[in-house]
Each structure stands twice: as structure tokens, then as C-alpha cells.
Amino acid sequence: MSPADFRRIALSMPEASESSHMAHPDFRVGGKIFATLSYPDRDHGMVALPPEEQAKLLQSHAKVFSRAKGAWGLRGSTCVRLDAVDSTTLREAMSAAWRRIAPKRLLG
């Protein structure tokens, strides 16, 4: 998975847009971040998962996903190793992160 693939998948979510914070590209819906690229380094991305989804992925794909450091990680921020994730798994994680943040009008 390349950074361009991560970006393409993030921007394929309904009404997703790209912005940036703390010198990292981020992806938002309704003005809220659901994913970040190049965090914590160029080899990773981050998806803001519901904690229960994070727990499932940490167990089923331990070589791909890891909890972000600190309180953010405890609240669902999940790092993704780009060189280890396949597009189907990333799309599922990205979709879960998008659904967590998306306005209710988009979920119906």
C-alpha cells in the first residue's frame, strides 16, 4: 500500500476532503478527522476507529495495526503500517473510521 493508495481510499469516502494538521495530511468528513497520513512516520497512516473496532483489528491483524500512543490510542486512534496492509483491510478500517465521524445525514 502506498501513500497514494491510502489517500485514494480515504477520498473515496462520501464527502471526504483532504486538509492537514501538525504537518500531516488528514482526511475529514463534516470537518472532523477520520484518517491521517504519515503519522507517526512516513511508513504509517492513522484511522480513528471506534474502540471496539480497534480491538478487533489489533487482534486479527497485529502486524498491520497498532494503537497510537497515549490517550488518543485509548480512544481509538489506530496506526496502520502501509507496507503490511492490503486494500480490502484498509478500506474496511477506513470505512469504520468514516462512519464513526460522518454526520448522521450521510449514514442513512
PDB file of N, CA and C in Angstrom:
ATOM      1  N   MET A   1       0.853  -1.166   0.000  1.00  0.00           N
ATOM      2  CA  MET A   1       0.000   0.000   0.000  1.00  0.00           C
ATOM      3  C   MET A   1       0.902   1.232   0.000  1.00  0.00           C
ATOM      4  N   SER A   2       0.641   2.122  -0.901  1.00  0.00           N
ATOM      5  CA  SER A   2       1.419   3.357  -0.967  1.00  0.00           C
ATOM      6  C   SER A   2       0.637   4.494  -0.308  1.00  0.00           C
ATOM      7  N   PRO A   3       1.325   5.598   0.001  1.00  0.00           N
ATOM      8  CA  PRO A   3       0.590   6.761   0.499  1.00  0.00           C
ATOM      9  C   PRO A   3      -0.495   7.221  -0.479  1.00  0.00           C
ATOM     10  N   ALA A   4      -0.227   7.108  -1.764  1.00  0.00           N
ATOM     11  CA  ALA A   4      -1.230   7.492  -2.771  1.00  0.00           C
ATOM     12  C   ALA A   4      -2.460   6.585  -2.689  1.00  0.00           C
ATOM     13  N   ASP A   5      -2.255   5.289  -2.428  1.00  0.00           N
ATOM     14  CA  ASP A   5      -3.383   4.365  -2.269  1.00  0.00           C
ATOM     15  C   ASP A   5      -4.195   4.717  -1.025  1.00  0.00           C
ATOM     16  N   PHE A   6      -3.516   5.018   0.081  1.00  0.00           N
ATOM     17  CA  PHE A   6      -4.195   5.412   1.315  1.00  0.00           C
ATOM     18  C   PHE A   6      -5.052   6.652   1.050  1.00  0.00           C
ATOM     19  N   ARG A   7      -4.459   7.640   0.384  1.00  0.00           N
ATOM     20  CA  ARG A   7      -5.163   8.886   0.055  1.00  0.00           C
ATOM     21  C   ARG A   7      -6.379   8.593  -0.823  1.00  0.00           C
ATOM     22  N   ARG A   8      -6.216   7.759  -1.843  1.00  0.00           N
ATOM     23  CA  ARG A   8      -7.312   7.428  -2.759  1.00  0.00           C
ATOM     24  C   ARG A   8      -8.470   6.779  -2.010  1.00  0.00           C
ATOM     25  N   ILE A   9      -8.166   5.845  -1.123  1.00  0.00           N
ATOM     26  CA  ILE A   9      -9.210   5.167  -0.359  1.00  0.00           C
ATOM     27  C   ILE A   9      -9.910   6.162   0.568  1.00  0.00           C
ATOM     28  N   ALA A  10      -9.143   6.994   1.255  1.00  0.00           N
ATOM     29  CA  ALA A  10      -9.745   7.984   2.155  1.00  0.00           C
ATOM     30  C   ALA A  10     -10.669   8.924   1.389  1.00  0.00           C
ATOM     31  N   LEU A  11     -10.220   9.404   0.248  1.00  0.00           N
ATOM     32  CA  LEU A  11     -11.020  10.360  -0.516  1.00  0.00           C
ATOM     33  C   LEU A  11     -12.190   9.714  -1.250  1.00  0.00           C
ATOM     34  N   SER A  12     -12.238   8.384  -1.269  1.00  0.00           N
ATOM     35  CA  SER A  12     -13.378   7.704  -1.890  1.00  0.00           C
ATOM     36  C   SER A  12     -14.587   7.650  -0.950  1.00  0.00           C
ATOM     37  N   MET A  13     -14.383   7.995   0.323  1.00  0.00           N
ATOM     38  CA  MET A  13     -15.499   8.009   1.277  1.00  0.00           C
ATOM     39  C   MET A  13     -16.406   9.210   0.947  1.00  0.00           C
ATOM     40  N   PRO A  14     -17.712   9.056   1.087  1.00  0.00           N
ATOM     41  CA  PRO A  14     -18.628  10.157   0.751  1.00  0.00           C
ATOM     42  C   PRO A  14     -18.288  11.456   1.482  1.00  0.00           C
ATOM     43  N   GLU A  15     -18.213  12.523   0.709  1.00  0.00           N
ATOM     44  CA  GLU A  15     -17.959  13.880   1.195  1.00  0.00           C
ATOM     45  C   GLU A  15     -16.640  14.038   1.941  1.00  0.00           C
ATOM     46  N   ALA A  16     -15.690  13.139   1.703  1.00  0.00           N
ATOM     47  CA  ALA A  16     -14.370  13.258   2.331  1.00  0.00           C
ATOM     48  C   ALA A  16     -13.581  14.371   1.652  1.00  0.00           C
ATOM     49  N   SER A  17     -12.777  15.055   2.444  1.00  0.00           N
ATOM     50  CA  SER A  17     -11.898  16.091   1.906  1.00  0.00           C
ATOM     51  C   SER A  17     -10.533  15.958   2.572  1.00  0.00           C
ATOM     52  N   GLU A  18      -9.520  16.484   1.886  1.00  0.00           N
ATOM     53  CA  GLU A  18      -8.168  16.450   2.427  1.00  0.00           C
ATOM     54  C   GLU A  18      -7.813  17.819   2.979  1.00  0.00           C
ATOM     55  N   SER A  19      -7.160  17.814   4.126  1.00  0.00           N
ATOM     56  CA  SER A  19      -6.680  19.020   4.777  1.00  0.00           C
ATOM     57  C   SER A  19      -5.339  18.661   5.404  1.00  0.00           C
ATOM     58  N   SER A  20      -4.926  19.380   6.430  1.00  0.00           N
ATOM     59  CA  SER A  20      -3.708  18.997   7.143  1.00  0.00           C
ATOM     60  C   SER A  20      -3.728  19.576   8.546  1.00  0.00           C
ATOM     61  N   HIS A  21      -2.995  18.914   9.405  1.00  0.00           N
ATOM     62  CA  HIS A  21      -2.756  19.409  10.756  1.00  0.00           C
ATOM     63  C   HIS A  21      -1.424  18.860  11.224  1.00  0.00           C
ATOM     64  N   MET A  22      -0.717  19.630  12.009  1.00  0.00           N
ATOM     65  CA  MET A  22       0.577  19.213  12.549  1.00  0.00           C
ATOM     66  C   MET A  22       1.492  18.647  11.462  1.00  0.00           C
ATOM     67  N   ALA A  23       1.456  19.257  10.281  1.00  0.00           N
ATOM     68  CA  ALA A  23       2.311  18.902   9.139  1.00  0.00           C
ATOM     69  C   ALA A  23       2.023  17.521   8.559  1.00  0.00           C
ATOM     70  N   HIS A  24       0.819  16.994   8.799  1.00  0.00           N
ATOM     71  CA  HIS A  24       0.410  15.709   8.243  1.00  0.00           C
ATOM     72  C   HIS A  24      -0.857  15.908   7.423  1.00  0.00           C
ATOM     73  N   PRO A  25      -0.944  15.264   6.240  1.00  0.00           N
ATOM     74  CA  PRO A  25      -2.221  15.289   5.521  1.00  0.00           C
ATOM     75  C   PRO A  25      -3.278  14.563   6.357  1.00  0.00           C
ATOM     76  N   ASP A  26      -4.481  15.131   6.405  1.00  0.00           N
ATOM     77  CA  ASP A  26      -5.565  14.435   7.085  1.00  0.00           C
ATOM     78  C   ASP A  26      -6.784  14.402   6.185  1.00  0.00           C
ATOM     79  N   PHE A  27      -7.731  13.552   6.553  1.00  0.00           N
ATOM     80  CA  PHE A  27      -8.943  13.343   5.763  1.00  0.00           C
ATOM     81  C   PHE A  27     -10.125  13.531   6.692  1.00  0.00           C
ATOM     82  N   ARG A  28     -11.074  14.352   6.231  1.00  0.00           N
ATOM     83  CA  ARG A  28     -12.173  14.788   7.085  1.00  0.00           C
ATOM     84  C   ARG A  28     -13.508  14.557   6.411  1.00  0.00           C
ATOM     85  N   VAL A  29     -14.511  14.426   7.250  1.00  0.00           N
ATOM     86  CA  VAL A  29     -15.896  14.439   6.804  1.00  0.00           C
ATOM     87  C   VAL A  29     -16.632  15.308   7.815  1.00  0.00           C
ATOM     88  N   GLY A  30     -17.446  16.233   7.328  1.00  0.00           N
ATOM     89  CA  GLY A  30     -18.132  17.137   8.230  1.00  0.00           C
ATOM     90  C   GLY A  30     -17.177  17.962   9.072  1.00  0.00           C
ATOM     91  N   GLY A  31     -15.966  18.208   8.559  1.00  0.00           N
ATOM     92  CA  GLY A  31     -14.971  19.000   9.269  1.00  0.00           C
ATOM     93  C   GLY A  31     -14.196  18.252  10.343  1.00  0.00           C
ATOM     94  N   LYS A  32     -14.460  16.961  10.516  1.00  0.00           N
ATOM     95  CA  LYS A  32     -13.791  16.174  11.554  1.00  0.00           C
ATOM     96  C   LYS A  32     -12.875  15.125  10.931  1.00  0.00           C
ATOM     97  N   ILE A  33     -11.747  14.891  11.567  1.00  0.00           N
ATOM     98  CA  ILE A  33     -10.730  13.970  11.048  1.00  0.00           C
ATOM     99  C   ILE A  33     -11.122  12.522  11.295  1.00  0.00           C
ATOM    100  N   PHE A  34     -11.058  11.711  10.217  1.00  0.00           N
ATOM    101  CA  PHE A  34     -11.249  10.270  10.368  1.00  0.00           C
ATOM    102  C   PHE A  34      -9.986   9.488  10.005  1.00  0.00           C
ATOM    103  N   ALA A  35      -9.024  10.129   9.348  1.00  0.00           N
ATOM    104  CA  ALA A  35      -7.771   9.449   8.986  1.00  0.00           C
ATOM    105  C   ALA A  35      -6.668  10.488   8.791  1.00  0.00           C
ATOM    106  N   THR A  36      -5.435  10.046   8.981  1.00  0.00           N
ATOM    107  CA  THR A  36      -4.256  10.896   8.810  1.00  0.00           C
ATOM    108  C   THR A  36      -3.192  10.073   8.093  1.00  0.00           C
ATOM    109  N   LEU A  37      -2.459  10.718   7.229  1.00  0.00           N
ATOM    110  CA  LEU A  37      -1.376  10.064   6.502  1.00  0.00           C
ATOM    111  C   LEU A  37      -0.035  10.518   7.074  1.00  0.00           C
ATOM    112  N   SER A  38       0.948   9.634   7.050  1.00  0.00           N
ATOM    113  CA  SER A  38       2.308   9.918   7.531  1.00  0.00           C
ATOM    114  C   SER A  38       2.361  10.179   9.027  1.00  0.00           C
ATOM    115  N   TYR A  39       1.538   9.462   9.774  1.00  0.00           N
ATOM    116  CA  TYR A  39       1.587   9.533  11.227  1.00  0.00           C
ATOM    117  C   TYR A  39       1.679   8.119  11.782  1.00  0.00           C
ATOM    118  N   PRO A  40       2.606   7.807  12.636  1.00  0.00           N
ATOM    119  CA  PRO A  40       3.589   8.674  13.259  1.00  0.00           C
ATOM    120  C   PRO A  40       4.823   8.940  12.403  1.00  0.00           C
ATOM    121  N   ASP A  41       4.925   8.261  11.252  1.00  0.00           N
ATOM    122  CA  ASP A  41       6.041   8.490  10.332  1.00  0.00           C
ATOM    123  C   ASP A  41       5.564   8.198   8.915  1.00  0.00           C
ATOM    124  N   ARG A  42       6.447   8.312   7.954  1.00  0.00           N
ATOM    125  CA  ARG A  42       6.086   8.160   6.544  1.00  0.00           C
ATOM    126  C   ARG A  42       5.614   6.749   6.184  1.00  0.00           C
ATOM    127  N   ASP A  43       5.901   5.782   7.025  1.00  0.00           N
ATOM    128  CA  ASP A  43       5.533   4.395   6.753  1.00  0.00           C
ATOM    129  C   ASP A  43       4.153   4.022   7.284  1.00  0.00           C
ATOM    130  N   HIS A  44       3.455   4.982   7.882  1.00  0.00           N
ATOM    131  CA  HIS A  44       2.176   4.715   8.542  1.00  0.00           C
ATOM    132  C   HIS A  44       1.092   5.710   8.143  1.00  0.00           C
ATOM    133  N   GLY A  45      -0.115   5.304   8.418  1.00  0.00           N
ATOM    134  CA  GLY A  45      -1.274   6.186   8.414  1.00  0.00           C
ATOM    135  C   GLY A  45      -1.981   5.962   9.734  1.00  0.00           C
ATOM    136  N   MET A  46      -3.066   6.689   9.956  1.00  0.00           N
ATOM    137  CA  MET A  46      -3.846   6.530  11.178  1.00  0.00           C
ATOM    138  C   MET A  46      -5.315   6.578  10.799  1.00  0.00           C
ATOM    139  N   VAL A  47      -6.105   5.717  11.415  1.00  0.00           N
ATOM    140  CA  VAL A  47      -7.554   5.752  11.270  1.00  0.00           C
ATOM    141  C   VAL A  47      -8.151   5.887  12.668  1.00  0.00           C
ATOM    142  N   ALA A  48      -9.183   6.712  12.787  1.00  0.00           N
ATOM    143  CA  ALA A  48      -9.824   6.995  14.078  1.00  0.00           C
ATOM    144  C   ALA A  48     -11.009   6.046  14.252  1.00  0.00           C
ATOM    145  N   LEU A  49     -10.732   4.884  14.778  1.00  0.00           N
ATOM    146  CA  LEU A  49     -11.736   3.822  14.887  1.00  0.00           C
ATOM    147  C   LEU A  49     -12.534   3.895  16.187  1.00  0.00           C
ATOM    148  N   PRO A  50     -13.741   3.344  16.165  1.00  0.00           N
ATOM    149  CA  PRO A  50     -14.408   3.109  17.436  1.00  0.00           C
ATOM    150  C   PRO A  50     -13.556   2.104  18.220  1.00  0.00           C
ATOM    151  N   PRO A  51     -13.417   2.262  19.535  1.00  0.00           N
ATOM    152  CA  PRO A  51     -12.548   1.364  20.306  1.00  0.00           C
ATOM    153  C   PRO A  51     -12.832  -0.123  20.102  1.00  0.00           C
ATOM    154  N   GLU A  52     -14.100  -0.510  19.928  1.00  0.00           N
ATOM    155  CA  GLU A  52     -14.401  -1.935  19.732  1.00  0.00           C
ATOM    156  C   GLU A  52     -13.876  -2.441  18.386  1.00  0.00           C
ATOM    157  N   GLU A  53     -13.914  -1.590  17.361  1.00  0.00           N
ATOM    158  CA  GLU A  53     -13.343  -1.964  16.052  1.00  0.00           C
ATOM    159  C   GLU A  53     -11.826  -2.039  16.150  1.00  0.00           C
ATOM    160  N   GLN A  54     -11.240  -1.094  16.874  1.00  0.00           N
ATOM    161  CA  GLN A  54      -9.793  -1.106  17.077  1.00  0.00           C
ATOM    162  C   GLN A  54      -9.362  -2.413  17.720  1.00  0.00           C
ATOM    163  N   ALA A  55     -10.059  -2.830  18.754  1.00  0.00           N
ATOM    164  CA  ALA A  55      -9.711  -4.067  19.467  1.00  0.00           C
ATOM    165  C   ALA A  55      -9.746  -5.266  18.530  1.00  0.00           C
ATOM    166  N   LYS A  56     -10.745  -5.341  17.673  1.00  0.00           N
ATOM    167  CA  LYS A  56     -10.849  -6.453  16.716  1.00  0.00           C
ATOM    168  C   LYS A  56      -9.661  -6.469  15.765  1.00  0.00           C
ATOM    169  N   LEU A  57      -9.326  -5.295  15.221  1.00  0.00           N
ATOM    170  CA  LEU A  57      -8.225  -5.235  14.257  1.00  0.00           C
ATOM    171  C   LEU A  57      -6.875  -5.494  14.914  1.00  0.00           C
ATOM    172  N   LEU A  58      -6.692  -5.009  16.139  1.00  0.00           N
ATOM    173  CA  LEU A  58      -5.427  -5.276  16.836  1.00  0.00           C
ATOM    174  C   LEU A  58      -5.232  -6.767  17.050  1.00  0.00           C
ATOM    175  N   GLN A  59      -6.322  -7.472  17.269  1.00  0.00           N
ATOM    176  CA  GLN A  59      -6.238  -8.914  17.487  1.00  0.00           C
ATOM    177  C   GLN A  59      -6.080  -9.675  16.172  1.00  0.00           C
ATOM    178  N   SER A  60      -6.865  -9.312  15.161  1.00  0.00           N
ATOM    179  CA  SER A  60      -6.860 -10.084  13.921  1.00  0.00           C
ATOM    180  C   SER A  60      -5.733  -9.702  12.952  1.00  0.00           C
ATOM    181  N   HIS A  61      -5.176  -8.509  13.088  1.00  0.00           N
ATOM    182  CA  HIS A  61      -4.121  -8.032  12.179  1.00  0.00           C
ATOM    183  C   HIS A  61      -3.019  -7.333  12.977  1.00  0.00           C
ATOM    184  N   ALA A  62      -2.431  -8.040  13.918  1.00  0.00           N
ATOM    185  CA  ALA A  62      -1.454  -7.452  14.840  1.00  0.00           C
ATOM    186  C   ALA A  62      -0.211  -6.895  14.140  1.00  0.00           C
ATOM    187  N   LYS A  63       0.123  -7.412  12.966  1.00  0.00           N
ATOM    188  CA  LYS A  63       1.312  -6.916  12.252  1.00  0.00           C
ATOM    189  C   LYS A  63       0.999  -5.691  11.406  1.00  0.00           C
ATOM    190  N   VAL A  64      -0.266  -5.357  11.288  1.00  0.00           N
ATOM    191  CA  VAL A  64      -0.700  -4.233  10.454  1.00  0.00           C
ATOM    192  C   VAL A  64      -1.099  -3.029  11.296  1.00  0.00           C
ATOM    193  N   PHE A  65      -1.848  -3.262  12.370  1.00  0.00           N
ATOM    194  CA  PHE A  65      -2.428  -2.187  13.173  1.00  0.00           C
ATOM    195  C   PHE A  65      -1.800  -2.137  14.556  1.00  0.00           C
ATOM    196  N   SER A  66      -1.653  -0.931  15.080  1.00  0.00           N
ATOM    197  CA  SER A  66      -1.194  -0.728  16.455  1.00  0.00           C
ATOM    198  C   SER A  66      -1.895   0.493  17.024  1.00  0.00           C
ATOM    199  N   ARG A  67      -2.071   0.491  18.312  1.00  0.00           N
ATOM    200  CA  ARG A  67      -2.729   1.615  18.987  1.00  0.00           C
ATOM    201  C   ARG A  67      -1.777   2.809  18.983  1.00  0.00           C
ATOM    202  N   ALA A  68      -2.286   3.991  18.651  1.00  0.00           N
ATOM    203  CA  ALA A  68      -1.483   5.211  18.755  1.00  0.00           C
ATOM    204  C   ALA A  68      -1.125   5.431  20.218  1.00  0.00           C
ATOM    205  N   LYS A  69      -0.076   6.175  20.461  1.00  0.00           N
ATOM    206  CA  LYS A  69       0.380   6.406  21.831  1.00  0.00           C
ATOM    207  C   LYS A  69      -0.590   7.277  22.615  1.00  0.00           C
ATOM    208  N   GLY A  70      -0.621   7.046  23.904  1.00  0.00           N
ATOM    209  CA  GLY A  70      -1.355   7.906  24.812  1.00  0.00           C
ATOM    210  C   GLY A  70      -2.860   7.778  24.753  1.00  0.00           C
ATOM    211  N   ALA A  71      -3.518   8.824  25.216  1.00  0.00           N
ATOM    212  CA  ALA A  71      -4.977   8.836  25.314  1.00  0.00           C
ATOM    213  C   ALA A  71      -5.645   8.709  23.950  1.00  0.00           C
ATOM    214  N   TRP A  72      -5.027   9.251  22.912  1.00  0.00           N
ATOM    215  CA  TRP A  72      -5.627   9.140  21.569  1.00  0.00           C
ATOM    216  C   TRP A  72      -5.786   7.681  21.179  1.00  0.00           C
ATOM    217  N   GLY A  73      -4.774   6.890  21.452  1.00  0.00           N
ATOM    218  CA  GLY A  73      -4.842   5.466  21.140  1.00  0.00           C
ATOM    219  C   GLY A  73      -5.906   4.743  21.940  1.00  0.00           C
ATOM    220  N   LEU A  74      -6.057   5.127  23.196  1.00  0.00           N
ATOM    221  CA  LEU A  74      -7.090   4.516  24.032  1.00  0.00           C
ATOM    222  C   LEU A  74      -8.494   4.864  23.544  1.00  0.00           C
ATOM    223  N   ARG A  75      -8.615   5.987  22.830  1.00  0.00           N
ATOM    224  CA  ARG A  75      -9.913   6.419  22.296  1.00  0.00           C
ATOM    225  C   ARG A  75     -10.158   5.945  20.870  1.00  0.00           C
ATOM    226  N   GLY A  76      -9.248   5.144  20.323  1.00  0.00           N
ATOM    227  CA  GLY A  76      -9.487   4.556  19.009  1.00  0.00           C
ATOM    228  C   GLY A  76      -8.510   4.914  17.911  1.00  0.00           C
ATOM    229  N   SER A  77      -7.630   5.891  18.127  1.00  0.00           N
ATOM    230  CA  SER A  77      -6.656   6.236  17.089  1.00  0.00           C
ATOM    231  C   SER A  77      -5.729   5.044  16.865  1.00  0.00           C
ATOM    232  N   THR A  78      -5.697   4.580  15.627  1.00  0.00           N
ATOM    233  CA  THR A  78      -5.036   3.324  15.294  1.00  0.00           C
ATOM    234  C   THR A  78      -4.065   3.534  14.141  1.00  0.00           C
ATOM    235  N   CYS A  79      -2.803   3.209  14.366  1.00  0.00           N
ATOM    236  CA  CYS A  79      -1.776   3.336  13.326  1.00  0.00           C
ATOM    237  C   CYS A  79      -1.846   2.133  12.388  1.00  0.00           C
ATOM    238  N   VAL A  80      -1.586   2.400  11.111  1.00  0.00           N
ATOM    239  CA  VAL A  80      -1.643   1.385  10.057  1.00  0.00           C
ATOM    240  C   VAL A  80      -0.285   1.333   9.361  1.00  0.00           C
ATOM    241  N   ARG A  81       0.341   0.172   9.332  1.00  0.00           N
ATOM    242  CA  ARG A  81       1.594   0.006   8.575  1.00  0.00           C
ATOM    243  C   ARG A  81       1.261  -0.107   7.100  1.00  0.00           C
ATOM    244  N   LEU A  82       1.657   0.875   6.322  1.00  0.00           N
ATOM    245  CA  LEU A  82       1.301   0.895   4.908  1.00  0.00           C
ATOM    246  C   LEU A  82       1.887  -0.278   4.144  1.00  0.00           C
ATOM    247  N   ASP A  83       3.093  -0.711   4.498  1.00  0.00           N
ATOM    248  CA  ASP A  83       3.717  -1.808   3.757  1.00  0.00           C
ATOM    249  C   ASP A  83       3.122  -3.172   4.098  1.00  0.00           C
ATOM    250  N   ALA A  84       2.253  -3.225   5.118  1.00  0.00           N
ATOM    251  CA  ALA A  84       1.694  -4.511   5.549  1.00  0.00           C
ATOM    252  C   ALA A  84       0.200  -4.651   5.291  1.00  0.00           C
ATOM    253  N   VAL A  85      -0.496  -3.556   5.045  1.00  0.00           N
ATOM    254  CA  VAL A  85      -1.953  -3.610   4.903  1.00  0.00           C
ATOM    255  C   VAL A  85      -2.340  -3.843   3.442  1.00  0.00           C
ATOM    256  N   ASP A  86      -3.400  -4.612   3.236  1.00  0.00           N
ATOM    257  CA  ASP A  86      -3.927  -4.786   1.880  1.00  0.00           C
ATOM    258  C   ASP A  86      -5.107  -3.826   1.699  1.00  0.00           C
ATOM    259  N   SER A  87      -5.491  -3.610   0.473  1.00  0.00           N
ATOM    260  CA  SER A  87      -6.514  -2.604   0.188  1.00  0.00           C
ATOM    261  C   SER A  87      -7.872  -2.952   0.795  1.00  0.00           C
ATOM    262  N   THR A  88      -8.237  -4.226   0.826  1.00  0.00           N
ATOM    263  CA  THR A  88      -9.534  -4.613   1.393  1.00  0.00           C
ATOM    264  C   THR A  88      -9.580  -4.315   2.889  1.00  0.00           C
ATOM    265  N   THR A  89      -8.532  -4.683   3.605  1.00  0.00           N
ATOM    266  CA  THR A  89      -8.477  -4.446   5.046  1.00  0.00           C
ATOM    267  C   THR A  89      -8.460  -2.952   5.348  1.00  0.00           C
ATOM    268  N   LEU A  90      -7.674  -2.191   4.582  1.00  0.00           N
ATOM    269  CA  LEU A  90      -7.633  -0.751   4.809  1.00  0.00           C
ATOM    270  C   LEU A  90      -8.985  -0.114   4.500  1.00  0.00           C
ATOM    271  N   ARG A  91      -9.620  -0.531   3.425  1.00  0.00           N
ATOM    272  CA  ARG A  91     -10.931   0.034   3.072  1.00  0.00           C
ATOM    273  C   ARG A  91     -11.946  -0.232   4.187  1.00  0.00           C
ATOM    274  N   GLU A  92     -11.923  -1.420   4.768  1.00  0.00           N
ATOM    275  CA  GLU A  92     -12.844  -1.743   5.867  1.00  0.00           C
ATOM    276  C   GLU A  92     -12.559  -0.879   7.094  1.00  0.00           C
ATOM    277  N   ALA A  93     -11.278  -0.720   7.444  1.00  0.00           N
ATOM    278  CA  ALA A  93     -10.915   0.111   8.589  1.00  0.00           C
ATOM    279  C   ALA A  93     -11.259   1.573   8.322  1.00  0.00           C
ATOM    280  N   MET A  94     -10.961   2.038   7.128  1.00  0.00           N
ATOM    281  CA  MET A  94     -11.240   3.430   6.765  1.00  0.00           C
ATOM    282  C   MET A  94     -12.748   3.690   6.808  1.00  0.00           C
ATOM    283  N   SER A  95     -13.522   2.748   6.331  1.00  0.00           N
ATOM    284  CA  SER A  95     -14.974   2.887   6.346  1.00  0.00           C
ATOM    285  C   SER A  95     -15.501   2.961   7.773  1.00  0.00           C
ATOM    286  N   ALA A  96     -14.964   2.148   8.668  1.00  0.00           N
ATOM    287  CA  ALA A  96     -15.379   2.186  10.076  1.00  0.00           C
ATOM    288  C   ALA A  96     -15.022   3.534  10.697  1.00  0.00           C
ATOM    289  N   ALA A  97     -13.846   4.056  10.385  1.00  0.00           N
ATOM    290  CA  ALA A  97     -13.436   5.366  10.905  1.00  0.00           C
ATOM    291  C   ALA A  97     -14.336   6.466  10.339  1.00  0.00           C
ATOM    292  N   TRP A  98     -14.640   6.393   9.038  1.00  0.00           N
ATOM    293  CA  TRP A  98     -15.513   7.379   8.409  1.00  0.00           C
ATOM    294  C   TRP A  98     -16.905   7.349   9.052  1.00  0.00           C
ATOM    295  N   ARG A  99     -17.473   6.144   9.242  1.00  0.00           N
ATOM    296  CA  ARG A  99     -18.809   6.019   9.846  1.00  0.00           C
ATOM    297  C   ARG A  99     -18.844   6.587  11.262  1.00  0.00           C
ATOM    298  N   ARG A 100     -17.749   6.455  11.976  1.00  0.00           N
ATOM    299  CA  ARG A 100     -17.691   6.977  13.350  1.00  0.00           C
ATOM    300  C   ARG A 100     -17.826   8.498  13.366  1.00  0.00           C
ATOM    301  N   ILE A 101     -17.291   9.156  12.356  1.00  0.00           N
ATOM    302  CA  ILE A 101     -17.213  10.618  12.327  1.00  0.00           C
ATOM    303  C   ILE A 101     -18.313  11.262  11.478  1.00  0.00           C
ATOM    304  N   ALA A 102     -18.792  10.550  10.469  1.00  0.00           N
ATOM    305  CA  ALA A 102     -19.704  11.137   9.479  1.00  0.00           C
ATOM    306  C   ALA A 102     -20.984  11.678  10.109  1.00  0.00           C
ATOM    307  N   PRO A 103     -21.492  12.783   9.552  1.00  0.00           N
ATOM    308  CA  PRO A 103     -22.783  13.305  10.005  1.00  0.00           C
ATOM    309  C   PRO A 103     -23.879  12.268   9.774  1.00  0.00           C
ATOM    310  N   LYS A 104     -24.861  12.244  10.649  1.00  0.00           N
ATOM    311  CA  LYS A 104     -25.932  11.259  10.573  1.00  0.00           C
ATOM    312  C   LYS A 104     -26.649  11.270   9.225  1.00  0.00           C
ATOM    313  N   ARG A 105     -26.738  12.431   8.593  1.00  0.00           N
ATOM    314  CA  ARG A 105     -27.439  12.503   7.306  1.00  0.00           C
ATOM    315  C   ARG A 105     -26.750  11.660   6.232  1.00  0.00           C
ATOM    316  N   LEU A 106     -25.447  11.393   6.388  1.00  0.00           N
ATOM    317  CA  LEU A 106     -24.724  10.571   5.422  1.00  0.00           C
ATOM    318  C   LEU A 106     -24.834   9.077   5.727  1.00  0.00           C
ATOM    319  N   LEU A 107     -25.234   8.740   6.915  1.00  0.00           N
ATOM    320  CA  LEU A 107     -25.284   7.337   7.328  1.00  0.00           C
ATOM    321  C   LEU A 107     -26.605   6.653   6.976  1.00  0.00           C
ATOM    322  N   GLY A 108     -27.629   7.442   6.731  1.00  0.00           N
ATOM    323  CA  GLY A 108     -28.965   6.903   6.499  1.00  0.00           C
ATOM    324  C   GLY A 108     -29.102   6.179   5.227  1.00  0.00           C
TER     325      GLY A 108
END
